[in-house]
């Protein structure tokens, strides 16, 4: 069952931003959403525990990526959500050479 987020929540705003922008750091997310890095970090840790995002730590920052598209949104911004769903569908269809090694080693 997918995780459901209200479009006005910080979690939803972070997920929507991750669909639109990559690569992005936790610091960039805080700046873009005009909130504290501490709030963003706490929210990201929750999303990591749910298996929805992945953090790639570097010495001075963390890169953030979507780990799973198993989430949905509820709220009024339906047009924006349709665009997100289309982008997530395209991501699932696209395979990088690393993800599809069968042709190389088959």
PDB file of N, CA and C in Angstrom:
ATOM      1  N   UNK A   1       0.850  -1.178   0.000  1.00  0.00           N
ATOM      2  CA  UNK A   1       0.000   0.000   0.000  1.00  0.00           C
ATOM      3  C   UNK A   1       0.895   1.241   0.000  1.00  0.00           C
ATOM      4  N   UNK A   2       0.638   2.168  -0.897  1.00  0.00           N
ATOM      5  CA  UNK A   2       1.494   3.361  -0.985  1.00  0.00           C
ATOM      6  C   UNK A   2       1.309   4.295   0.211  1.00  0.00           C
ATOM      7  N   UNK A   3       2.344   5.037   0.508  1.00  0.00           N
ATOM      8  CA  UNK A   3       2.283   6.054   1.541  1.00  0.00           C
ATOM      9  C   UNK A   3       1.539   7.254   0.955  1.00  0.00           C
ATOM     10  N   UNK A   4       0.622   7.835   1.739  1.00  0.00           N
ATOM     11  CA  UNK A   4      -0.183   8.964   1.272  1.00  0.00           C
ATOM     12  C   UNK A   4       0.200  10.207   2.059  1.00  0.00           C
ATOM     13  N   UNK A   5       0.505  11.294   1.336  1.00  0.00           N
ATOM     14  CA  UNK A   5       0.915  12.545   1.963  1.00  0.00           C
ATOM     15  C   UNK A   5       0.000  13.668   1.523  1.00  0.00           C
ATOM     16  N   UNK A   6      -0.339  14.546   2.451  1.00  0.00           N
ATOM     17  CA  UNK A   6      -1.075  15.757   2.118  1.00  0.00           C
ATOM     18  C   UNK A   6      -0.135  16.690   1.376  1.00  0.00           C
ATOM     19  N   UNK A   7      -0.602  17.309   0.306  1.00  0.00           N
ATOM     20  CA  UNK A   7       0.271  18.137  -0.528  1.00  0.00           C
ATOM     21  C   UNK A   7       0.837  19.343   0.212  1.00  0.00           C
ATOM     22  N   UNK A   8       0.237  19.705   1.337  1.00  0.00           N
ATOM     23  CA  UNK A   8       0.753  20.855   2.089  1.00  0.00           C
ATOM     24  C   UNK A   8       1.828  20.462   3.102  1.00  0.00           C
ATOM     25  N   UNK A   9       2.079  19.165   3.283  1.00  0.00           N
ATOM     26  CA  UNK A   9       3.074  18.719   4.268  1.00  0.00           C
ATOM     27  C   UNK A   9       4.491  18.900   3.727  1.00  0.00           C
ATOM     28  N   UNK A  10       5.447  19.010   4.633  1.00  0.00           N
ATOM     29  CA  UNK A  10       6.842  19.146   4.241  1.00  0.00           C
ATOM     30  C   UNK A  10       7.316  17.890   3.508  1.00  0.00           C
ATOM     31  N   UNK A  11       6.860  16.731   3.938  1.00  0.00           N
ATOM     32  CA  UNK A  11       7.238  15.485   3.269  1.00  0.00           C
ATOM     33  C   UNK A  11       6.816  15.518   1.802  1.00  0.00           C
ATOM     34  N   UNK A  12       5.581  15.922   1.542  1.00  0.00           N
ATOM     35  CA  UNK A  12       5.083  15.979   0.169  1.00  0.00           C
ATOM     36  C   UNK A  12       5.854  17.003  -0.652  1.00  0.00           C
ATOM     37  N   UNK A  13       6.145  18.141  -0.056  1.00  0.00           N
ATOM     38  CA  UNK A  13       6.891  19.172  -0.777  1.00  0.00           C
ATOM     39  C   UNK A  13       8.290  18.678  -1.149  1.00  0.00           C
ATOM     40  N   UNK A  14       8.911  17.939  -0.246  1.00  0.00           N
ATOM     41  CA  UNK A  14      10.233  17.378  -0.534  1.00  0.00           C
ATOM     42  C   UNK A  14      10.145  16.358  -1.657  1.00  0.00           C
ATOM     43  N   UNK A  15       9.170  15.457  -1.597  1.00  0.00           N
ATOM     44  CA  UNK A  15       9.024  14.448  -2.639  1.00  0.00           C
ATOM     45  C   UNK A  15       8.724  15.085  -3.995  1.00  0.00           C
ATOM     46  N   UNK A  16       7.864  16.086  -4.003  1.00  0.00           N
ATOM     47  CA  UNK A  16       7.558  16.788  -5.256  1.00  0.00           C
ATOM     48  C   UNK A  16       8.814  17.446  -5.821  1.00  0.00           C
ATOM     49  N   UNK A  17       9.614  18.029  -4.959  1.00  0.00           N
ATOM     50  CA  UNK A  17      10.859  18.671  -5.400  1.00  0.00           C
ATOM     51  C   UNK A  17      11.838  17.632  -5.952  1.00  0.00           C
ATOM     52  N   UNK A  18      11.932  16.477  -5.304  1.00  0.00           N
ATOM     53  CA  UNK A  18      12.841  15.427  -5.767  1.00  0.00           C
ATOM     54  C   UNK A  18      12.454  14.897  -7.140  1.00  0.00           C
ATOM     55  N   UNK A  19      11.169  14.880  -7.433  1.00  0.00           N
ATOM     56  CA  UNK A  19      10.724  14.445  -8.760  1.00  0.00           C
ATOM     57  C   UNK A  19      11.161  15.450  -9.819  1.00  0.00           C
ATOM     58  N   UNK A  20      11.145  16.721  -9.455  1.00  0.00           N
ATOM     59  CA  UNK A  20      11.473  17.790 -10.400  1.00  0.00           C
ATOM     60  C   UNK A  20      12.971  18.029 -10.553  1.00  0.00           C
ATOM     61  N   UNK A  21      13.738  17.914  -9.458  1.00  0.00           N
ATOM     62  CA  UNK A  21      15.131  18.348  -9.462  1.00  0.00           C
ATOM     63  C   UNK A  21      16.059  17.221  -9.009  1.00  0.00           C
ATOM     64  N   UNK A  22      17.055  16.932  -9.807  1.00  0.00           N
ATOM     65  CA  UNK A  22      18.122  16.005  -9.424  1.00  0.00           C
ATOM     66  C   UNK A  22      19.350  16.372 -10.226  1.00  0.00           C
ATOM     67  N   UNK A  23      20.500  16.441  -9.656  1.00  0.00           N
ATOM     68  CA  UNK A  23      20.825  16.140  -8.254  1.00  0.00           C
ATOM     69  C   UNK A  23      20.464  17.315  -7.346  1.00  0.00           C
ATOM     70  N   UNK A  24      20.203  16.994  -6.099  1.00  0.00           N
ATOM     71  CA  UNK A  24      19.882  18.026  -5.116  1.00  0.00           C
ATOM     72  C   UNK A  24      20.402  17.575  -3.753  1.00  0.00           C
ATOM     73  N   UNK A  25      20.811  18.544  -2.959  1.00  0.00           N
ATOM     74  CA  UNK A  25      21.311  18.244  -1.611  1.00  0.00           C
ATOM     75  C   UNK A  25      20.268  18.633  -0.579  1.00  0.00           C
ATOM     76  N   UNK A  26      20.479  18.166   0.642  1.00  0.00           N
ATOM     77  CA  UNK A  26      19.568  18.538   1.720  1.00  0.00           C
ATOM     78  C   UNK A  26      19.592  20.046   1.969  1.00  0.00           C
ATOM     79  N   UNK A  27      20.761  20.662   1.788  1.00  0.00           N
ATOM     80  CA  UNK A  27      20.864  22.119   1.953  1.00  0.00           C
ATOM     81  C   UNK A  27      20.068  22.851   0.881  1.00  0.00           C
ATOM     82  N   UNK A  28      20.138  22.352  -0.353  1.00  0.00           N
ATOM     83  CA  UNK A  28      19.370  22.956  -1.442  1.00  0.00           C
ATOM     84  C   UNK A  28      17.864  22.843  -1.202  1.00  0.00           C
ATOM     85  N   UNK A  29      17.445  21.710  -0.675  1.00  0.00           N
ATOM     86  CA  UNK A  29      16.023  21.513  -0.382  1.00  0.00           C
ATOM     87  C   UNK A  29      15.557  22.542   0.641  1.00  0.00           C
ATOM     88  N   UNK A  30      16.330  22.726   1.705  1.00  0.00           N
ATOM     89  CA  UNK A  30      15.971  23.691   2.748  1.00  0.00           C
ATOM     90  C   UNK A  30      15.891  25.105   2.176  1.00  0.00           C
ATOM     91  N   UNK A  31      16.858  25.461   1.334  1.00  0.00           N
ATOM     92  CA  UNK A  31      16.837  26.800   0.717  1.00  0.00           C
ATOM     93  C   UNK A  31      15.634  26.964  -0.202  1.00  0.00           C
ATOM     94  N   UNK A  32      15.384  25.972  -1.043  1.00  0.00           N
ATOM     95  CA  UNK A  32      14.294  26.059  -2.002  1.00  0.00           C
ATOM     96  C   UNK A  32      12.943  26.151  -1.297  1.00  0.00           C
ATOM     97  N   UNK A  33      12.758  25.364  -0.236  1.00  0.00           N
ATOM     98  CA  UNK A  33      11.481  25.348   0.485  1.00  0.00           C
ATOM     99  C   UNK A  33      11.401  26.414   1.570  1.00  0.00           C
ATOM    100  N   UNK A  34      12.481  27.182   1.703  1.00  0.00           N
ATOM    101  CA  UNK A  34      12.550  28.275   2.686  1.00  0.00           C
ATOM    102  C   UNK A  34      12.185  27.809   4.095  1.00  0.00           C
ATOM    103  N   UNK A  35      12.879  26.765   4.521  1.00  0.00           N
ATOM    104  CA  UNK A  35      12.704  26.243   5.872  1.00  0.00           C
ATOM    105  C   UNK A  35      14.078  25.874   6.416  1.00  0.00           C
ATOM    106  N   UNK A  36      14.144  25.504   7.667  1.00  0.00           N
ATOM    107  CA  UNK A  36      15.441  25.205   8.275  1.00  0.00           C
ATOM    108  C   UNK A  36      15.959  23.853   7.804  1.00  0.00           C
ATOM    109  N   UNK A  37      17.269  23.763   7.772  1.00  0.00           N
ATOM    110  CA  UNK A  37      17.895  22.506   7.373  1.00  0.00           C
ATOM    111  C   UNK A  37      17.599  21.426   8.409  1.00  0.00           C
ATOM    112  N   UNK A  38      17.444  21.821   9.651  1.00  0.00           N
ATOM    113  CA  UNK A  38      17.126  20.859  10.710  1.00  0.00           C
ATOM    114  C   UNK A  38      15.765  20.190  10.469  1.00  0.00           C
ATOM    115  N   UNK A  39      14.760  20.986  10.066  1.00  0.00           N
ATOM    116  CA  UNK A  39      13.440  20.423   9.764  1.00  0.00           C
ATOM    117  C   UNK A  39      13.515  19.486   8.561  1.00  0.00           C
ATOM    118  N   UNK A  40      14.249  19.905   7.548  1.00  0.00           N
ATOM    119  CA  UNK A  40      14.395  19.082   6.353  1.00  0.00           C
ATOM    120  C   UNK A  40      15.098  17.777   6.697  1.00  0.00           C
ATOM    121  N   UNK A  41      16.167  17.841   7.485  1.00  0.00           N
ATOM    122  CA  UNK A  41      16.907  16.636   7.868  1.00  0.00           C
ATOM    123  C   UNK A  41      16.023  15.659   8.639  1.00  0.00           C
ATOM    124  N   UNK A  42      15.232  16.181   9.572  1.00  0.00           N
ATOM    125  CA  UNK A  42      14.335  15.329  10.355  1.00  0.00           C
ATOM    126  C   UNK A  42      13.294  14.670   9.447  1.00  0.00           C
ATOM    127  N   UNK A  43      12.757  15.435   8.520  1.00  0.00           N
ATOM    128  CA  UNK A  43      11.765  14.916   7.587  1.00  0.00           C
ATOM    129  C   UNK A  43      12.384  13.866   6.664  1.00  0.00           C
ATOM    130  N   UNK A  44      13.593  14.135   6.186  1.00  0.00           N
ATOM    131  CA  UNK A  44      14.282  13.178   5.322  1.00  0.00           C
ATOM    132  C   UNK A  44      14.543  11.860   6.046  1.00  0.00           C
ATOM    133  N   UNK A  45      14.899  11.927   7.324  1.00  0.00           N
ATOM    134  CA  UNK A  45      15.131  10.698   8.082  1.00  0.00           C
ATOM    135  C   UNK A  45      13.856   9.856   8.143  1.00  0.00           C
ATOM    136  N   UNK A  46      12.717  10.513   8.293  1.00  0.00           N
ATOM    137  CA  UNK A  46      11.438   9.787   8.274  1.00  0.00           C
ATOM    138  C   UNK A  46      11.169   9.149   6.927  1.00  0.00           C
ATOM    139  N   UNK A  47      11.478   9.870   5.865  1.00  0.00           N
ATOM    140  CA  UNK A  47      11.276   9.335   4.510  1.00  0.00           C
ATOM    141  C   UNK A  47      12.242   8.192   4.223  1.00  0.00           C
ATOM    142  N   UNK A  48      13.455   8.266   4.786  1.00  0.00           N
ATOM    143  CA  UNK A  48      14.417   7.168   4.641  1.00  0.00           C
ATOM    144  C   UNK A  48      13.877   5.918   5.338  1.00  0.00           C
ATOM    145  N   UNK A  49      13.348   6.074   6.551  1.00  0.00           N
ATOM    146  CA  UNK A  49      12.806   4.929   7.297  1.00  0.00           C
ATOM    147  C   UNK A  49      11.643   4.280   6.561  1.00  0.00           C
ATOM    148  N   UNK A  50      10.882   5.086   5.821  1.00  0.00           N
ATOM    149  CA  UNK A  50       9.763   4.553   5.040  1.00  0.00           C
ATOM    150  C   UNK A  50      10.235   3.943   3.722  1.00  0.00           C
ATOM    151  N   UNK A  51      11.519   4.105   3.408  1.00  0.00           N
ATOM    152  CA  UNK A  51      12.079   3.539   2.194  1.00  0.00           C
ATOM    153  C   UNK A  51      11.780   4.333   0.937  1.00  0.00           C
ATOM    154  N   UNK A  52      11.413   5.606   1.091  1.00  0.00           N
ATOM    155  CA  UNK A  52      11.026   6.419  -0.060  1.00  0.00           C
ATOM    156  C   UNK A  52      12.173   7.231  -0.643  1.00  0.00           C
ATOM    157  N   UNK A  53      13.140   7.610   0.194  1.00  0.00           N
ATOM    158  CA  UNK A  53      14.291   8.369  -0.296  1.00  0.00           C
ATOM    159  C   UNK A  53      15.575   7.716   0.178  1.00  0.00           C
ATOM    160  N   UNK A  54      16.648   8.064  -0.496  1.00  0.00           N
ATOM    161  CA  UNK A  54      17.981   7.570  -0.158  1.00  0.00           C
ATOM    162  C   UNK A  54      18.896   8.774   0.025  1.00  0.00           C
ATOM    163  N   UNK A  55      19.727   8.735   1.046  1.00  0.00           N
ATOM    164  CA  UNK A  55      20.712   9.790   1.277  1.00  0.00           C
ATOM    165  C   UNK A  55      22.087   9.265   0.885  1.00  0.00           C
ATOM    166  N   UNK A  56      22.800  10.077   0.130  1.00  0.00           N
ATOM    167  CA  UNK A  56      24.171   9.744  -0.249  1.00  0.00           C
ATOM    168  C   UNK A  56      25.081  10.751   0.449  1.00  0.00           C
ATOM    169  N   UNK A  57      25.619  10.370   1.617  1.00  0.00           N
ATOM    170  CA  UNK A  57      26.391  11.322   2.423  1.00  0.00           C
ATOM    171  C   UNK A  57      27.760  11.656   1.832  1.00  0.00           C
ATOM    172  N   UNK A  58      28.092  12.925   1.915  1.00  0.00           N
ATOM    173  CA  UNK A  58      29.417  13.450   1.603  1.00  0.00           C
ATOM    174  C   UNK A  58      29.896  14.156   2.865  1.00  0.00           C
ATOM    175  N   UNK A  59      31.158  14.542   2.947  1.00  0.00           N
ATOM    176  CA  UNK A  59      31.649  15.154   4.188  1.00  0.00           C
ATOM    177  C   UNK A  59      30.850  16.375   4.668  1.00  0.00           C
ATOM    178  N   UNK A  60      30.384  17.230   3.751  1.00  0.00           N
ATOM    179  CA  UNK A  60      29.719  18.452   4.193  1.00  0.00           C
ATOM    180  C   UNK A  60      28.244  18.540   3.831  1.00  0.00           C
ATOM    181  N   UNK A  61      27.701  17.531   3.159  1.00  0.00           N
ATOM    182  CA  UNK A  61      26.291  17.579   2.751  1.00  0.00           C
ATOM    183  C   UNK A  61      25.800  16.180   2.410  1.00  0.00           C
ATOM    184  N   UNK A  62      24.524  16.057   2.107  1.00  0.00           N
ATOM    185  CA  UNK A  62      23.917  14.797   1.681  1.00  0.00           C
ATOM    186  C   UNK A  62      23.187  15.014   0.366  1.00  0.00           C
ATOM    187  N   UNK A  63      23.453  14.158  -0.613  1.00  0.00           N
ATOM    188  CA  UNK A  63      22.640  14.166  -1.814  1.00  0.00           C
ATOM    189  C   UNK A  63      21.412  13.312  -1.543  1.00  0.00           C
ATOM    190  N   UNK A  64      20.270  13.738  -2.063  1.00  0.00           N
ATOM    191  CA  UNK A  64      19.011  13.068  -1.798  1.00  0.00           C
ATOM    192  C   UNK A  64      18.427  12.566  -3.116  1.00  0.00           C
ATOM    193  N   UNK A  65      18.006  11.308  -3.131  1.00  0.00           N
ATOM    194  CA  UNK A  65      17.375  10.730  -4.312  1.00  0.00           C
ATOM    195  C   UNK A  65      16.120   9.961  -3.908  1.00  0.00           C
ATOM    196  N   UNK A  66      15.238   9.765  -4.855  1.00  0.00           N
ATOM    197  CA  UNK A  66      14.049   8.958  -4.617  1.00  0.00           C
ATOM    198  C   UNK A  66      14.455   7.487  -4.689  1.00  0.00           C
ATOM    199  N   UNK A  67      14.104   6.736  -3.651  1.00  0.00           N
ATOM    200  CA  UNK A  67      14.421   5.312  -3.610  1.00  0.00           C
ATOM    201  C   UNK A  67      13.234   4.471  -4.084  1.00  0.00           C
ATOM    202  N   UNK A  68      12.031   4.984  -3.884  1.00  0.00           N
ATOM    203  CA  UNK A  68      10.827   4.247  -4.260  1.00  0.00           C
ATOM    204  C   UNK A  68       9.739   5.233  -4.650  1.00  0.00           C
ATOM    205  N   UNK A  69       8.991   4.892  -5.666  1.00  0.00           N
ATOM    206  CA  UNK A  69       7.868   5.732  -6.092  1.00  0.00           C
ATOM    207  C   UNK A  69       6.566   5.297  -5.456  1.00  0.00           C
ATOM    208  N   UNK A  70       6.648   4.599  -4.332  1.00  0.00           N
ATOM    209  CA  UNK A  70       5.474   4.061  -3.661  1.00  0.00           C
ATOM    210  C   UNK A  70       4.837   5.106  -2.746  1.00  0.00           C
ATOM    211  N   UNK A  71       4.419   6.219  -3.348  1.00  0.00           N
ATOM    212  CA  UNK A  71       3.749   7.252  -2.575  1.00  0.00           C
ATOM    213  C   UNK A  71       2.683   7.925  -3.428  1.00  0.00           C
ATOM    214  N   UNK A  72       1.707   8.493  -2.728  1.00  0.00           N
ATOM    215  CA  UNK A  72       0.622   9.225  -3.374  1.00  0.00           C
ATOM    216  C   UNK A  72       0.395  10.507  -2.596  1.00  0.00           C
ATOM    217  N   UNK A  73      -0.338  11.421  -3.226  1.00  0.00           N
ATOM    218  CA  UNK A  73      -0.635  12.687  -2.581  1.00  0.00           C
ATOM    219  C   UNK A  73      -2.140  12.905  -2.525  1.00  0.00           C
ATOM    220  N   UNK A  74      -2.562  13.599  -1.497  1.00  0.00           N
ATOM    221  CA  UNK A  74      -3.949  14.053  -1.426  1.00  0.00           C
ATOM    222  C   UNK A  74      -3.900  15.563  -1.218  1.00  0.00           C
ATOM    223  N   UNK A  75      -4.852  16.257  -1.759  1.00  0.00           N
ATOM    224  CA  UNK A  75      -4.868  17.708  -1.631  1.00  0.00           C
ATOM    225  C   UNK A  75      -5.465  18.345  -2.860  1.00  0.00           C
ATOM    226  N   UNK A  76      -5.349  19.659  -2.933  1.00  0.00           N
ATOM    227  CA  UNK A  76      -6.011  20.400  -4.000  1.00  0.00           C
ATOM    228  C   UNK A  76      -5.186  20.578  -5.259  1.00  0.00           C
ATOM    229  N   UNK A  77      -3.903  20.411  -5.206  1.00  0.00           N
ATOM    230  CA  UNK A  77      -3.034  20.693  -6.348  1.00  0.00           C
ATOM    231  C   UNK A  77      -3.029  19.527  -7.328  1.00  0.00           C
ATOM    232  N   UNK A  78      -4.173  19.186  -7.886  1.00  0.00           N
ATOM    233  CA  UNK A  78      -4.290  17.990  -8.716  1.00  0.00           C
ATOM    234  C   UNK A  78      -3.509  18.104 -10.023  1.00  0.00           C
ATOM    235  N   UNK A  79      -3.440  19.274 -10.619  1.00  0.00           N
ATOM    236  CA  UNK A  79      -2.710  19.415 -11.887  1.00  0.00           C
ATOM    237  C   UNK A  79      -1.221  19.146 -11.675  1.00  0.00           C
ATOM    238  N   UNK A  80      -0.673  19.675 -10.590  1.00  0.00           N
ATOM    239  CA  UNK A  80       0.734  19.432 -10.276  1.00  0.00           C
ATOM    240  C   UNK A  80       0.968  17.947 -10.016  1.00  0.00           C
ATOM    241  N   UNK A  81       0.034  17.294  -9.361  1.00  0.00           N
ATOM    242  CA  UNK A  81       0.182  15.883  -9.039  1.00  0.00           C
ATOM    243  C   UNK A  81       0.141  15.017 -10.293  1.00  0.00           C
ATOM    244  N   UNK A  82      -0.651  15.398 -11.275  1.00  0.00           N
ATOM    245  CA  UNK A  82      -0.688  14.644 -12.531  1.00  0.00           C
ATOM    246  C   UNK A  82       0.679  14.673 -13.204  1.00  0.00           C
ATOM    247  N   UNK A  83       1.339  15.832 -13.170  1.00  0.00           N
ATOM    248  CA  UNK A  83       2.672  15.956 -13.761  1.00  0.00           C
ATOM    249  C   UNK A  83       3.672  15.067 -13.024  1.00  0.00           C
ATOM    250  N   UNK A  84       3.572  15.018 -11.708  1.00  0.00           N
ATOM    251  CA  UNK A  84       4.465  14.180 -10.910  1.00  0.00           C
ATOM    252  C   UNK A  84       4.257  12.711 -11.269  1.00  0.00           C
ATOM    253  N   UNK A  85       3.010  12.293 -11.375  1.00  0.00           N
ATOM    254  CA  UNK A  85       2.730  10.903 -11.715  1.00  0.00           C
ATOM    255  C   UNK A  85       3.287  10.547 -13.089  1.00  0.00           C
ATOM    256  N   UNK A  86       3.176  11.467 -14.053  1.00  0.00           N
ATOM    257  CA  UNK A  86       3.730  11.222 -15.388  1.00  0.00           C
ATOM    258  C   UNK A  86       5.251  11.082 -15.329  1.00  0.00           C
ATOM    259  N   UNK A  87       5.921  11.938 -14.565  1.00  0.00           N
ATOM    260  CA  UNK A  87       7.378  11.872 -14.460  1.00  0.00           C
ATOM    261  C   UNK A  87       7.821  10.586 -13.769  1.00  0.00           C
ATOM    262  N   UNK A  88       7.099  10.161 -12.751  1.00  0.00           N
ATOM    263  CA  UNK A  88       7.452   8.915 -12.062  1.00  0.00           C
ATOM    264  C   UNK A  88       7.277   7.725 -13.005  1.00  0.00           C
ATOM    265  N   UNK A  89       6.247   7.751 -13.836  1.00  0.00           N
ATOM    266  CA  UNK A  89       6.028   6.675 -14.799  1.00  0.00           C
ATOM    267  C   UNK A  89       7.182   6.619 -15.797  1.00  0.00           C
ATOM    268  N   UNK A  90       7.650   7.786 -16.261  1.00  0.00           N
ATOM    269  CA  UNK A  90       8.762   7.833 -17.201  1.00  0.00           C
ATOM    270  C   UNK A  90      10.039   7.302 -16.551  1.00  0.00           C
ATOM    271  N   UNK A  91      10.251   7.633 -15.275  1.00  0.00           N
ATOM    272  CA  UNK A  91      11.448   7.142 -14.570  1.00  0.00           C
ATOM    273  C   UNK A  91      11.450   5.624 -14.493  1.00  0.00           C
ATOM    274  N   UNK A  92      10.269   5.042 -14.261  1.00  0.00           N
ATOM    275  CA  UNK A  92      10.185   3.585 -14.161  1.00  0.00           C
ATOM    276  C   UNK A  92      10.469   2.931 -15.503  1.00  0.00           C
ATOM    277  N   UNK A  93      10.071   3.576 -16.587  1.00  0.00           N
ATOM    278  CA  UNK A  93      10.274   3.019 -17.921  1.00  0.00           C
ATOM    279  C   UNK A  93      11.729   3.125 -18.364  1.00  0.00           C
ATOM    280  N   UNK A  94      12.451   4.138 -17.903  1.00  0.00           N
ATOM    281  CA  UNK A  94      13.827   4.370 -18.317  1.00  0.00           C
ATOM    282  C   UNK A  94      14.764   3.500 -17.503  1.00  0.00           C
ATOM    283  N   UNK A  95      15.658   2.795 -18.178  1.00  0.00           N
ATOM    284  CA  UNK A  95      16.659   1.982 -17.487  1.00  0.00           C
ATOM    285  C   UNK A  95      18.034   2.469 -17.896  1.00  0.00           C
ATOM    286  N   UNK A  96      18.885   2.678 -16.918  1.00  0.00           N
ATOM    287  CA  UNK A  96      20.258   3.068 -17.207  1.00  0.00           C
ATOM    288  C   UNK A  96      21.042   1.824 -17.586  1.00  0.00           C
ATOM    289  N   UNK A  97      22.195   1.972 -18.218  1.00  0.00           N
ATOM    290  CA  UNK A  97      23.011   0.798 -18.565  1.00  0.00           C
ATOM    291  C   UNK A  97      23.359  -0.067 -17.355  1.00  0.00           C
ATOM    292  N   UNK A  98      23.545   0.554 -16.187  1.00  0.00           N
ATOM    293  CA  UNK A  98      23.865  -0.209 -14.974  1.00  0.00           C
ATOM    294  C   UNK A  98      22.695  -1.078 -14.530  1.00  0.00           C
ATOM    295  N   UNK A  99      21.464  -0.593 -14.753  1.00  0.00           N
ATOM    296  CA  UNK A  99      20.285  -1.324 -14.322  1.00  0.00           C
ATOM    297  C   UNK A  99      19.941  -2.470 -15.272  1.00  0.00           C
ATOM    298  N   UNK A 100      20.375  -2.378 -16.516  1.00  0.00           N
ATOM    299  CA  UNK A 100      20.021  -3.388 -17.499  1.00  0.00           C
ATOM    300  C   UNK A 100      21.287  -3.974 -18.125  1.00  0.00           C
ATOM    301  N   UNK A 101      21.985  -4.808 -17.357  1.00  0.00           N
ATOM    302  CA  UNK A 101      23.225  -5.415 -17.816  1.00  0.00           C
ATOM    303  C   UNK A 101      23.001  -6.711 -18.588  1.00  0.00           C
ATOM    304  N   UNK A 102      21.736  -7.110 -18.760  1.00  0.00           N
ATOM    305  CA  UNK A 102      21.456  -8.390 -19.405  1.00  0.00           C
ATOM    306  C   UNK A 102      21.985  -8.439 -20.838  1.00  0.00           C
ATOM    307  N   UNK A 103      21.899  -7.344 -21.579  1.00  0.00           N
ATOM    308  CA  UNK A 103      22.383  -7.331 -22.953  1.00  0.00           C
ATOM    309  C   UNK A 103      23.911  -7.412 -22.989  1.00  0.00           C
ATOM    310  N   UNK A 104      24.538  -6.823 -21.993  1.00  0.00           N
ATOM    311  CA  UNK A 104      25.987  -6.786 -21.961  1.00  0.00           C
ATOM    312  C   UNK A 104      26.592  -8.143 -21.598  1.00  0.00           C
ATOM    313  N   UNK A 105      25.933  -8.863 -20.683  1.00  0.00           N
ATOM    314  CA  UNK A 105      26.491 -10.115 -20.195  1.00  0.00           C
ATOM    315  C   UNK A 105      25.675 -11.328 -20.637  1.00  0.00           C
ATOM    316  N   UNK A 106      24.641 -11.103 -21.429  1.00  0.00           N
ATOM    317  CA  UNK A 106      23.727 -12.182 -21.772  1.00  0.00           C
ATOM    318  C   UNK A 106      24.249 -12.982 -22.832  1.00  0.00           C
TER     319      UNK A 106
END
